[in-house]
Protein backbone atom coordinates (compact mmCIF):
# COMPACT_ATOMS: atom_id res chain seq x y z
CA MET A 1 99.23 97.63 110.63
CA ALA A 2 97.91 99.44 107.61
CA ASN A 3 99.45 99.21 104.16
CA PHE A 4 99.57 102.22 101.81
CA ILE A 5 98.67 101.33 98.26
CA ALA A 6 100.95 102.89 95.68
CA TYR A 7 98.90 102.61 92.51
CA LYS A 8 100.96 102.87 89.33
CA SER A 9 98.81 105.82 88.31
CA ILE A 10 98.87 107.36 91.79
CA ASN A 11 102.23 108.99 92.34
CA ILE A 12 101.90 111.23 95.36
CA LEU A 13 105.34 111.81 96.81
CA VAL A 14 105.43 112.57 100.52
CA SER A 15 108.08 115.23 101.02
CA LYS A 16 107.31 116.26 104.57
CA SER A 17 106.87 113.97 107.52
CA ILE A 18 104.08 114.69 110.03
CA LYS A 19 105.02 113.83 113.58
CA PRO A 20 102.51 111.68 115.52
CA SER A 21 102.00 114.43 118.10
CA ARG A 22 100.67 116.73 115.37
CA LEU A 23 98.09 114.22 114.17
CA GLY A 24 95.92 114.51 117.28
CA SER A 25 94.45 117.85 116.23
CA PHE A 26 93.07 116.30 113.03
CA LEU A 27 91.19 113.45 114.70
CA PHE A 28 87.95 113.20 116.61
CA GLY A 29 88.38 111.63 120.02
CA GLN A 30 91.74 110.57 121.40
CA LYS A 31 94.36 108.77 119.39
CA ARG A 32 96.22 106.82 122.05
CA PHE A 33 99.70 106.60 120.53
CA GLY A 34 101.26 105.72 123.86
CA LEU A 35 98.95 102.75 124.31
CA GLU A 36 100.11 100.98 121.17
CA ASN A 37 103.77 101.57 122.07
CA ARG A 38 103.23 100.39 125.64
CA GLN A 39 101.56 97.20 124.48
CA PHE A 40 104.47 96.56 122.14
CA PHE A 41 107.05 96.91 124.88
CA LEU A 42 105.04 94.75 127.27
CA MET A 43 104.91 92.05 124.64
CA SER A 44 108.64 92.41 124.01
CA SER A 45 109.41 92.11 127.72
CA ALA A 46 107.34 88.96 128.05
CA THR A 47 109.02 87.45 125.00
CA ASP A 48 112.51 88.28 126.34
CA LYS A 49 111.70 86.57 129.63
CA GLU A 50 110.60 83.41 127.84
CA GLU A 51 113.77 83.41 125.75
CA MET A 52 115.90 83.93 128.86
CA ASP A 53 114.19 81.02 130.61
CA GLU A 54 114.92 78.81 127.60
CA LEU A 55 118.53 79.93 127.62
CA LYS A 56 118.91 78.94 131.28
CA ASN A 57 117.64 75.47 130.46
CA ASN A 58 120.43 75.05 127.93
CA PRO A 59 122.94 72.46 129.25
CA TYR A 60 125.84 74.83 128.46
CA TYR A 61 124.34 77.76 130.34
CA ALA A 62 126.13 77.01 133.65
CA LYS A 63 129.49 76.89 131.90
CA TYR A 64 129.10 80.37 130.39
CA ALA A 65 126.83 81.94 133.03
CA ASP A 66 129.45 84.49 134.16
CA LYS A 67 130.20 85.69 130.62
CA ILE A 68 126.49 85.90 129.84
CA ALA A 69 125.82 87.94 132.98
CA LYS A 70 128.71 90.31 132.18
CA LEU A 71 127.49 90.86 128.61
CA GLN A 72 123.96 91.42 129.88
CA LYS A 73 125.16 94.23 132.15
CA THR A 74 127.81 95.90 130.00
CA SER A 75 126.05 95.69 126.63
CA PRO A 76 122.35 94.83 126.98
CA GLU A 77 121.60 95.61 123.33
CA GLU A 78 124.24 93.19 122.10
CA PHE A 79 123.01 90.60 124.59
CA LEU A 80 119.41 90.89 123.36
CA SER A 81 120.48 90.69 119.71
CA LYS A 82 122.46 87.50 120.42
CA LEU A 83 119.53 86.11 122.39
CA GLU A 84 117.20 86.87 119.52
CA ALA A 85 119.60 85.26 117.06
CA THR A 86 119.42 81.98 118.98
CA GLU A 87 115.65 81.97 118.53
CA LYS A 88 115.54 82.66 114.79
CA PRO A 89 116.17 79.07 113.65
CA LYS A 90 113.10 77.99 115.66
CA GLN A 91 110.80 80.39 113.88
CA PRO A 92 108.90 79.07 110.83
CA ASN A 93 109.93 80.35 107.47
CA PRO A 94 107.00 82.35 106.03
CA ALA A 95 108.02 81.30 102.53
CA LYS A 96 107.52 77.66 103.50
CA GLU A 97 104.18 78.12 105.26
CA VAL A 98 101.24 76.47 103.61
CA GLY A 99 98.58 78.81 102.22
CA LYS A 100 95.11 79.12 103.66
CA ASP A 101 92.31 76.74 102.84
CA PHE A 102 89.16 77.84 101.07
CA SER A 103 86.61 79.72 103.14
CA LEU A 104 83.56 77.98 104.53
CA PRO A 105 80.13 79.60 104.67
CA THR A 106 79.77 81.90 107.66
CA LYS A 107 76.68 83.42 109.25
CA PRO A 108 74.73 86.04 107.27
CA LYS A 109 74.77 89.66 108.28
CA PRO A 110 72.26 90.41 111.04
CA GLU A 111 69.08 91.93 109.67
CA VAL A 112 68.98 95.67 110.30
CA THR A 113 65.75 97.65 110.27
CA GLY A 114 64.40 101.06 111.22
CA SER A 115 66.75 103.84 112.26
CA LYS A 116 69.80 101.58 112.20
CA ALA A 117 69.15 100.72 108.56
CA SER A 118 68.88 104.39 107.67
CA LEU A 119 72.14 105.10 109.48
CA LEU A 120 73.97 102.35 107.59
CA ALA A 121 72.56 103.55 104.27
CA LYS A 122 73.84 107.06 104.91
CA GLU A 123 77.01 107.88 102.98
CA LYS A 124 80.16 107.97 105.09
CA THR A 125 81.86 111.34 105.37
CA LEU A 126 85.46 112.36 105.96
CA ASP A 127 84.31 114.58 108.81
CA SER A 128 83.51 111.46 110.81
CA ILE A 129 87.20 110.53 110.75
CA MET A 130 89.14 113.79 110.66
CA LYS A 131 88.55 117.50 111.09
CA LEU A 132 88.00 118.55 107.52
CA ASP A 133 88.56 122.27 108.08
CA LEU A 134 92.08 121.59 109.36
CA LEU A 135 92.86 119.24 106.48
CA ARG A 136 91.98 121.93 103.96
CA GLU A 137 94.85 124.02 105.29
CA LYS A 138 97.39 121.34 104.35
CA THR A 139 99.08 120.47 101.07
CA LYS A 140 98.38 117.23 99.19
CA ASP A 141 101.65 115.76 100.41
CA GLU A 142 100.88 116.62 104.03
CA ILE A 143 97.37 115.20 103.76
CA SER A 144 98.79 112.00 102.27
CA GLU A 145 101.17 111.61 105.20
CA ILE A 146 98.43 112.35 107.74
CA TRP A 147 96.14 109.81 106.08
CA LYS A 148 98.81 107.10 106.14
CA LEU A 149 99.79 107.88 109.72
CA HIS A 150 96.20 107.77 110.94
CA HIS A 151 95.70 104.24 109.55
CA SER A 152 99.17 102.93 110.42
CA SER A 153 97.96 101.17 113.59
CA LEU A 154 94.64 99.94 112.19
CA ASP A 155 93.59 96.82 110.29
CA ALA A 156 93.25 98.68 107.02
CA VAL A 157 94.73 99.52 103.63
CA CYS A 158 94.67 103.09 102.38
CA ALA A 159 95.51 105.25 99.36
CA VAL A 160 95.38 108.81 98.06
CA ILE A 161 93.89 108.90 94.55
CA PRO A 162 94.25 111.81 92.09
CA ALA A 163 90.90 113.33 91.06
CA ASP A 164 91.21 112.42 87.37
CA VAL A 165 91.99 108.79 88.23
CA TRP A 166 89.01 108.67 90.59
CA GLU A 167 86.66 109.95 87.89
CA GLU A 168 87.79 107.18 85.56
CA MET A 169 87.39 104.56 88.28
CA ARG A 170 83.95 105.84 89.30
CA GLU A 171 82.73 105.61 85.71
CA ARG A 172 83.70 101.93 85.60
CA PHE A 173 82.22 101.33 89.08
CA THR A 174 78.88 102.50 87.66
CA LYS A 175 79.19 100.52 84.44
CA HIS A 176 80.48 97.30 86.01
CA LYS A 177 78.86 97.23 89.45
CA THR A 178 79.67 93.58 90.16
CA PHE A 179 82.80 91.59 89.42
CA LEU A 180 84.97 88.71 90.65
CA PHE A 181 88.56 88.62 91.86
CA PRO A 182 90.65 85.47 92.44
CA LEU A 183 92.53 85.13 95.73
CA PRO A 184 95.39 82.56 96.03
CA ARG A 185 94.63 79.66 98.36
CA LYS A 186 96.35 76.44 99.42
CA ASP A 187 94.92 74.31 96.62
CA GLY A 188 94.08 76.88 93.99
CA TYR A 189 92.12 80.13 94.01
CA GLU A 190 89.09 81.34 95.91
CA PHE A 191 86.81 83.83 94.19
CA ILE A 192 85.75 87.03 95.92
CA VAL A 193 82.68 88.97 94.76
CA VAL A 194 82.90 92.78 94.73
CA GLN A 195 79.89 95.07 94.41
CA PHE A 196 80.16 98.84 94.00
CA LEU A 197 77.55 101.02 95.64
CA GLY A 198 78.01 104.77 95.61
CA LYS A 199 81.56 105.51 96.74
CA SER A 200 82.12 102.14 98.40
CA ALA A 201 83.23 98.71 97.23
CA HIS A 202 81.91 95.72 99.18
CA PHE A 203 83.71 92.36 99.06
CA THR A 204 82.43 88.95 100.13
CA THR A 205 83.49 85.38 99.41
CA LEU A 206 81.68 83.75 96.51
CA ILE A 207 80.44 80.92 98.72
CA ASN A 208 78.84 83.42 101.11
CA PHE A 209 77.36 85.40 98.23
CA GLN A 210 75.80 82.25 96.80
CA ALA A 211 74.38 81.34 100.20
CA TYR A 212 73.13 84.74 101.41
CA GLN A 213 73.07 87.13 98.43
CA GLU A 214 72.57 90.69 99.75
CA ASN A 215 72.95 89.44 103.34
CA ALA A 216 76.40 87.98 102.71
CA PRO A 217 78.93 89.17 105.32
CA GLU A 218 81.66 91.43 103.99
CA CYS A 219 85.32 90.52 104.27
CA LEU A 220 86.55 93.91 102.97
CA THR A 221 85.03 97.35 102.34
CA LEU A 222 86.76 100.13 100.41
CA ASP A 223 85.40 103.61 101.18
CA HIS A 224 86.29 106.66 99.07
CA TYR A 225 86.06 110.18 100.50
CA THR A 226 85.69 112.95 97.92
CA GLU A 227 85.43 116.05 100.13
CA LEU A 228 88.86 117.29 98.99
CA ILE A 229 88.39 116.64 95.29
CA GLU A 230 87.64 120.27 94.35
CA ASP A 231 90.38 122.18 96.16
CA LYS A 232 93.06 119.47 96.57
CA LYS A 233 92.26 117.29 93.52
CA ILE A 234 92.54 114.09 95.57
CA VAL A 235 90.26 111.34 96.91
CA LEU A 236 91.10 109.53 100.14
CA MET A 237 90.49 105.78 100.25
CA VAL A 238 90.52 103.37 103.19
CA GLY A 239 89.82 99.65 103.11
CA ARG A 240 88.72 97.96 106.33
CA TYR A 241 88.81 94.17 106.41
CA ASP A 242 87.62 91.31 108.63
CA THR A 243 90.75 89.88 110.25
CA ASN A 244 88.98 86.54 110.73
CA MET A 245 88.66 86.18 106.97
CA LEU A 246 91.59 88.07 105.42
CA THR A 247 95.17 89.01 106.18
CA ILE A 248 96.43 92.48 105.35
CA GLN A 249 98.33 90.99 102.40
CA GLU A 250 95.11 89.50 101.01
CA ALA A 251 93.20 92.75 101.57
CA GLN A 252 95.85 94.64 99.63
CA CYS A 253 95.86 92.01 96.89
CA LEU A 254 92.12 92.61 96.39
CA ALA A 255 92.53 96.38 96.50
CA ASN A 256 95.31 96.12 93.92
CA GLN A 257 93.03 94.12 91.64
CA VAL A 258 90.45 96.91 91.81
CA GLU A 259 93.15 99.17 90.39
CA MET A 260 94.03 96.59 87.73
CA TYR A 261 90.50 96.41 86.36
CA TYR A 262 88.96 99.79 87.16
CA CYS A 263 91.89 102.17 86.69
CA ALA A 264 93.29 102.26 83.14
CA PRO A 265 92.87 98.51 82.54
CA SER A 266 94.52 96.71 79.68
CA GLU A 267 92.49 95.66 76.66
CA GLU A 268 92.25 92.11 78.00
CA LYS A 269 90.93 93.28 81.37
CA ARG A 270 88.39 95.63 79.76
CA ALA A 271 87.18 92.68 77.71
CA LEU A 272 86.72 90.57 80.86
CA LEU A 273 84.71 93.35 82.50
CA ASP A 274 82.47 93.63 79.45
CA ILE A 275 81.94 89.87 79.14
CA PHE A 276 81.13 89.49 82.84
CA THR A 277 78.62 92.35 82.70
CA ASN A 278 77.03 91.84 79.30
CA SER A 279 77.63 88.17 78.34
CA PRO A 280 78.01 86.24 81.61
CA SER A 281 77.40 82.88 79.89
CA ASN A 282 80.66 83.39 77.97
CA PHE A 283 82.68 84.36 81.04
CA LYS A 284 85.51 82.01 82.06
CA HIS A 285 86.87 82.11 85.61
CA ALA A 286 90.20 80.77 84.37
CA ASP A 287 90.75 84.01 82.44
CA LEU A 288 90.82 85.96 85.73
CA ILE A 289 93.41 83.59 87.14
CA ASN A 290 95.53 83.94 84.02
CA GLN A 291 95.50 87.72 84.37
CA LEU A 292 96.55 87.49 88.01
CA GLU A 293 99.36 85.06 87.27
CA LYS A 294 100.79 87.40 84.63
CA ILE A 295 101.84 89.78 87.36
CA ASP A 296 103.27 89.30 90.82
CA LEU A 297 100.87 91.18 93.05
CA LEU A 298 101.76 89.32 96.20
CA ALA A 299 105.49 89.84 95.77
CA ALA A 300 104.98 93.59 95.91
CA ILE A 301 103.13 93.36 99.24
CA PRO A 302 105.14 93.60 102.49
CA LYS A 303 105.38 90.24 104.18
CA LYS A 304 103.42 89.74 107.38
CA ASN A 305 105.59 89.81 110.49
């Protein structure tokens, strides 16, 4: 499920909800809303059956079988809620789960040549995702809601960025094309390299970058679409991540750090950008960690279900 990034400097208030049935006209191809819902209910049904089988194995089941059957018929919702409540103690507490270990080197990106290389080098356009002519008829608030709704069932993070904020960020993307972000791990922090190219930000683990350089596989890519910047004064952003390498919480943590350093950064963060770019021998990784620990990025991110 996608997460919408509410940058401190990006305050677009959604005042009108767009129903899923209306989204179809904005997309290319079919958006199978029913499929996601059907899969959810199939999973729920299978889970309920397993829980019911466990309940029947309970030594006290025979004693209360009649009452259970009556409740199941007269009030199925109450029955399911009680059944679910019996399972909750068995579920692990996310707060007590141990964090992830550091990443190991993976395989490099496959070498791409010829027409495929030209296709990949071509700048991505909003028209490849949505029907731009229909979007232009909508307000900023409606476009924001459509953008969030479109990515709600995808492995992605997204945001709607005001034009003036984007211009400031783009200037820093050009000036500081490469940087590092710390990501919390089980026994410390793992560093993620980000490189800005055009309107995209490409993330890879430091260990992969050291091993493969430009062929390092990406764990996250942030793409910015500027087609609406003139008439709507907004830029649409989507971040697609590798689910084998990142969780949605980690992807959003990295996207939030882009905002921290490239969108109205504090004096300390501007200094770190300058040192990393112009005096790398004086750069200290611990300073990045200190900046991250001063705020609670992860606490602001919805917990994974």
